[in-house]
Amino acid sequence: MISIEHNTAENIFRAMENGKEIGNLEYELRGQVMTITHTRAFMEGRGLGRTLVAAAIDYARSRGMKIWPVCSFAKALMERIEEYHDMLAE
């Protein structure tokens, strides 16, 4: 089973399976804006990237933040999914 771990000290979300990291999302915080810098899935075709971006969005939304997706994967996903549009920083 895949779980998502969030390390706020390192600004990273990790996708874990059986104690092994299988993907991650790195970000930076500046005030109320989370900048997603990299999304990596070490195993393709399992939806890990989307799961990681969703976890970051949920975290940001719960804290009243906006997201600036520098990562091309996160940007494309957020632009494609309408329910994420309100989270995009201008």
Protein backbone atom coordinates (compact mmCIF):
# COMPACT_ATOMS: atom_id res chain seq x y z
CA MET A 1 0.00 0.00 0.00
CA ILE A 2 1.22 3.49 -0.87
CA SER A 3 1.33 6.19 1.80
CA ILE A 4 2.31 9.85 1.55
CA GLU A 5 4.68 11.27 4.14
CA HIS A 6 5.18 15.01 4.52
CA ASN A 7 8.41 16.35 5.95
CA THR A 8 7.87 20.06 6.61
CA ALA A 9 11.49 20.58 7.74
CA GLU A 10 12.73 19.45 4.31
CA ASN A 11 9.76 20.78 2.26
CA ILE A 12 9.07 17.41 0.65
CA PHE A 13 6.20 14.96 0.22
CA ARG A 14 7.31 11.34 -0.21
CA ALA A 15 5.34 8.46 -1.68
CA MET A 16 6.28 5.36 0.29
CA GLU A 17 5.62 1.68 -0.27
CA ASN A 18 6.87 -1.03 2.08
CA GLY A 19 9.28 1.44 3.70
CA LYS A 20 10.79 2.45 0.36
CA GLU A 21 10.50 5.87 -1.31
CA ILE A 22 8.91 5.49 -4.74
CA GLY A 23 8.33 9.16 -5.56
CA ASN A 24 8.53 12.67 -4.15
CA LEU A 25 7.47 16.26 -4.58
CA GLU A 26 9.73 19.12 -3.51
CA TYR A 27 8.53 22.63 -2.79
CA GLU A 28 9.55 26.02 -1.41
CA LEU A 29 7.46 28.31 0.77
CA ARG A 30 7.41 32.09 0.46
CA GLY A 31 4.74 33.66 2.61
CA GLN A 32 1.44 32.15 1.55
CA VAL A 33 2.71 30.67 -1.72
CA MET A 34 3.92 27.10 -2.14
CA THR A 35 6.19 26.77 -5.17
CA ILE A 36 6.25 23.19 -6.45
CA THR A 37 9.74 22.77 -7.87
CA HIS A 38 9.99 19.04 -8.71
CA THR A 39 7.71 16.02 -8.88
CA ARG A 40 9.33 12.62 -9.33
CA ALA A 41 7.76 9.20 -9.71
CA PHE A 42 10.30 6.39 -9.62
CA MET A 43 7.67 3.93 -10.83
CA GLU A 44 5.61 5.13 -13.78
CA GLY A 45 2.00 4.32 -14.54
CA ARG A 46 0.77 4.20 -10.96
CA GLY A 47 -0.52 7.76 -10.60
CA LEU A 48 2.17 8.69 -8.09
CA GLY A 49 2.74 12.17 -9.52
CA ARG A 50 -0.94 13.00 -9.38
CA THR A 51 -1.19 11.64 -5.83
CA LEU A 52 1.77 13.75 -4.71
CA VAL A 53 0.42 16.92 -6.31
CA ALA A 54 -3.00 16.28 -4.72
CA ALA A 55 -1.35 15.92 -1.29
CA ALA A 56 0.49 19.22 -1.77
CA ILE A 57 -2.71 20.95 -2.87
CA ASP A 58 -4.63 19.58 0.12
CA TYR A 59 -1.91 20.81 2.47
CA ALA A 60 -1.79 24.27 0.88
CA ARG A 61 -5.58 24.59 0.77
CA SER A 62 -5.93 23.69 4.46
CA ARG A 63 -3.54 26.53 5.30
CA GLY A 64 -5.01 29.17 3.01
CA MET A 65 -2.04 29.13 0.64
CA LYS A 66 -1.81 29.33 -3.14
CA ILE A 67 0.46 27.27 -5.39
CA TRP A 68 2.91 28.35 -8.06
CA PRO A 69 3.77 25.19 -10.02
CA VAL A 70 7.24 25.63 -11.53
CA CYS A 71 7.38 21.87 -12.12
CA SER A 72 5.97 21.22 -15.60
CA PHE A 73 4.08 18.10 -14.48
CA ALA A 74 2.38 19.89 -11.58
CA LYS A 75 1.58 22.90 -13.78
CA ALA A 76 -0.03 20.78 -16.51
CA LEU A 77 -2.04 18.80 -13.96
CA MET A 78 -3.28 21.90 -12.15
CA GLU A 79 -4.26 23.60 -15.41
CA ARG A 80 -6.08 20.47 -16.63
CA ILE A 81 -8.11 19.78 -13.46
CA GLU A 82 -10.71 22.48 -12.89
CA GLU A 83 -11.04 21.91 -9.15
CA TYR A 84 -7.38 22.97 -8.77
CA HIS A 85 -7.69 26.27 -10.66
CA ASP A 86 -8.56 28.26 -7.53
CA MET A 87 -5.23 27.18 -6.00
CA LEU A 88 -3.04 28.69 -8.71
CA ALA A 89 -1.05 31.73 -7.59
CA GLU A 90 -1.13 34.62 -10.02
